[in-house]
Amino acid sequence: MQKIMKLFVKSEEGATAIEYGLIASLIAVVLIAVLTTMGTNLSATFTRISDAL
């Protein structure tokens, strides 16, 4: 039982998976913010072009 507990304490696979998950979620949040801003700017640009025509 002590051997299993020592292996469990030494194992860092779970921590690594959590870190990758946090990085992926941070990237997703940044992408959503950027794409939302770009979509708003793009919509305004098309509206300006449409009004000019």
N, C-alpha and C. Protein backbone atom coordinates (compact mmCIF):
# COMPACT_ATOMS: atom_id res chain seq x y z
N MET A 1 0.83 -1.19 0.00
CA MET A 1 0.00 0.00 0.00
C MET A 1 0.87 1.25 0.00
N GLN A 2 1.96 1.23 0.76
CA GLN A 2 2.86 2.38 0.80
C GLN A 2 3.50 2.62 -0.56
N LYS A 3 3.78 1.54 -1.27
CA LYS A 3 4.38 1.66 -2.59
C LYS A 3 3.43 2.38 -3.55
N ILE A 4 2.17 2.04 -3.48
CA ILE A 4 1.16 2.67 -4.33
C ILE A 4 1.03 4.15 -4.00
N MET A 5 1.02 4.47 -2.71
CA MET A 5 0.91 5.87 -2.28
C MET A 5 2.11 6.68 -2.75
N LYS A 6 3.30 6.10 -2.68
CA LYS A 6 4.50 6.80 -3.13
C LYS A 6 4.44 7.07 -4.63
N LEU A 7 3.97 6.07 -5.39
CA LEU A 7 3.83 6.26 -6.83
C LEU A 7 2.78 7.33 -7.14
N PHE A 8 1.70 7.34 -6.37
CA PHE A 8 0.63 8.33 -6.58
C PHE A 8 1.16 9.74 -6.30
N VAL A 9 1.93 9.92 -5.26
CA VAL A 9 2.47 11.22 -4.90
C VAL A 9 3.49 11.68 -5.93
N LYS A 10 4.30 10.76 -6.46
CA LYS A 10 5.33 11.10 -7.45
C LYS A 10 4.74 11.39 -8.82
N SER A 11 3.62 10.78 -9.14
CA SER A 11 3.03 10.91 -10.47
C SER A 11 2.61 12.36 -10.72
N GLU A 12 3.04 12.88 -11.87
CA GLU A 12 2.70 14.24 -12.24
C GLU A 12 1.82 14.29 -13.49
N GLU A 13 1.34 13.16 -13.94
CA GLU A 13 0.53 13.13 -15.15
C GLU A 13 -0.76 13.92 -14.99
N GLY A 14 -1.39 13.81 -13.85
CA GLY A 14 -2.63 14.55 -13.62
C GLY A 14 -2.40 16.04 -13.61
N ALA A 15 -1.33 16.48 -12.98
CA ALA A 15 -1.01 17.91 -12.93
C ALA A 15 -0.72 18.44 -14.33
N THR A 16 -0.02 17.65 -15.13
CA THR A 16 0.29 18.07 -16.49
C THR A 16 -0.99 18.19 -17.31
N ALA A 17 -1.90 17.25 -17.16
CA ALA A 17 -3.16 17.30 -17.89
C ALA A 17 -3.96 18.53 -17.50
N ILE A 18 -3.97 18.86 -16.22
CA ILE A 18 -4.70 20.04 -15.75
C ILE A 18 -4.06 21.30 -16.33
N GLU A 19 -2.74 21.36 -16.36
CA GLU A 19 -2.05 22.53 -16.92
C GLU A 19 -2.38 22.68 -18.40
N TYR A 20 -2.37 21.59 -19.15
CA TYR A 20 -2.73 21.67 -20.57
C TYR A 20 -4.17 22.12 -20.74
N GLY A 21 -5.05 21.65 -19.88
CA GLY A 21 -6.44 22.07 -19.93
C GLY A 21 -6.60 23.55 -19.66
N LEU A 22 -5.87 24.06 -18.69
CA LEU A 22 -5.92 25.50 -18.39
C LEU A 22 -5.38 26.33 -19.55
N ILE A 23 -4.30 25.88 -20.15
CA ILE A 23 -3.74 26.59 -21.30
C ILE A 23 -4.72 26.59 -22.47
N ALA A 24 -5.34 25.46 -22.73
CA ALA A 24 -6.31 25.37 -23.82
C ALA A 24 -7.51 26.27 -23.58
N SER A 25 -7.99 26.33 -22.34
CA SER A 25 -9.14 27.18 -22.05
C SER A 25 -8.76 28.66 -22.15
N LEU A 26 -7.54 29.02 -21.75
CA LEU A 26 -7.09 30.40 -21.89
C LEU A 26 -7.01 30.79 -23.37
N ILE A 27 -6.49 29.91 -24.19
CA ILE A 27 -6.41 30.18 -25.63
C ILE A 27 -7.81 30.33 -26.21
N ALA A 28 -8.75 29.50 -25.76
CA ALA A 28 -10.12 29.58 -26.26
C ALA A 28 -10.75 30.92 -25.89
N VAL A 29 -10.54 31.38 -24.67
CA VAL A 29 -11.10 32.66 -24.23
C VAL A 29 -10.53 33.81 -25.06
N VAL A 30 -9.23 33.78 -25.29
CA VAL A 30 -8.59 34.83 -26.09
C VAL A 30 -9.12 34.81 -27.52
N LEU A 31 -9.26 33.62 -28.10
CA LEU A 31 -9.79 33.51 -29.46
C LEU A 31 -11.21 34.04 -29.56
N ILE A 32 -12.04 33.72 -28.59
CA ILE A 32 -13.41 34.20 -28.60
C ILE A 32 -13.44 35.72 -28.53
N ALA A 33 -12.61 36.30 -27.67
CA ALA A 33 -12.57 37.76 -27.55
C ALA A 33 -12.10 38.41 -28.85
N VAL A 34 -11.05 37.85 -29.45
CA VAL A 34 -10.51 38.42 -30.69
C VAL A 34 -11.51 38.28 -31.83
N LEU A 35 -12.10 37.11 -31.96
CA LEU A 35 -13.05 36.90 -33.06
C LEU A 35 -14.31 37.74 -32.90
N THR A 36 -14.75 37.95 -31.67
CA THR A 36 -15.91 38.81 -31.44
C THR A 36 -15.60 40.24 -31.86
N THR A 37 -14.44 40.72 -31.49
CA THR A 37 -14.04 42.08 -31.86
C THR A 37 -13.88 42.20 -33.37
N MET A 38 -13.24 41.20 -33.98
CA MET A 38 -13.07 41.24 -35.43
C MET A 38 -14.41 41.19 -36.14
N GLY A 39 -15.34 40.39 -35.64
CA GLY A 39 -16.66 40.30 -36.25
C GLY A 39 -17.40 41.62 -36.20
N THR A 40 -17.29 42.32 -35.08
CA THR A 40 -17.94 43.62 -34.94
C THR A 40 -17.31 44.62 -35.90
N ASN A 41 -15.99 44.64 -35.97
CA ASN A 41 -15.30 45.56 -36.88
C ASN A 41 -15.61 45.23 -38.33
N LEU A 42 -15.66 43.96 -38.66
CA LEU A 42 -15.96 43.55 -40.03
C LEU A 42 -17.38 43.94 -40.41
N SER A 43 -18.30 43.77 -39.50
CA SER A 43 -19.68 44.15 -39.75
C SER A 43 -19.79 45.66 -40.00
N ALA A 44 -19.08 46.44 -39.21
CA ALA A 44 -19.09 47.89 -39.40
C ALA A 44 -18.48 48.27 -40.75
N THR A 45 -17.45 47.57 -41.16
CA THR A 45 -16.81 47.84 -42.45
C THR A 45 -17.77 47.54 -43.59
N PHE A 46 -18.45 46.40 -43.54
CA PHE A 46 -19.42 46.06 -44.59
C PHE A 46 -20.58 47.05 -44.62
N THR A 47 -21.00 47.50 -43.46
CA THR A 47 -22.08 48.50 -43.41
C THR A 47 -21.63 49.79 -44.08
N ARG A 48 -20.40 50.21 -43.79
CA ARG A 48 -19.85 51.43 -44.40
C ARG A 48 -19.77 51.29 -45.92
N ILE A 49 -19.31 50.14 -46.38
CA ILE A 49 -19.21 49.90 -47.82
C ILE A 49 -20.59 49.90 -48.47
N SER A 50 -21.53 49.24 -47.80
CA SER A 50 -22.90 49.18 -48.32
C SER A 50 -23.52 50.57 -48.40
N ASP A 51 -23.29 51.38 -47.39
CA ASP A 51 -23.83 52.75 -47.40
C ASP A 51 -23.19 53.59 -48.49
N ALA A 52 -21.91 53.35 -48.76
CA ALA A 52 -21.22 54.12 -49.79
C ALA A 52 -21.72 53.77 -51.18
N LEU A 53 -22.18 52.55 -51.37
CA LEU A 53 -22.68 52.14 -52.68
C LEU A 53 -24.07 52.68 -52.87
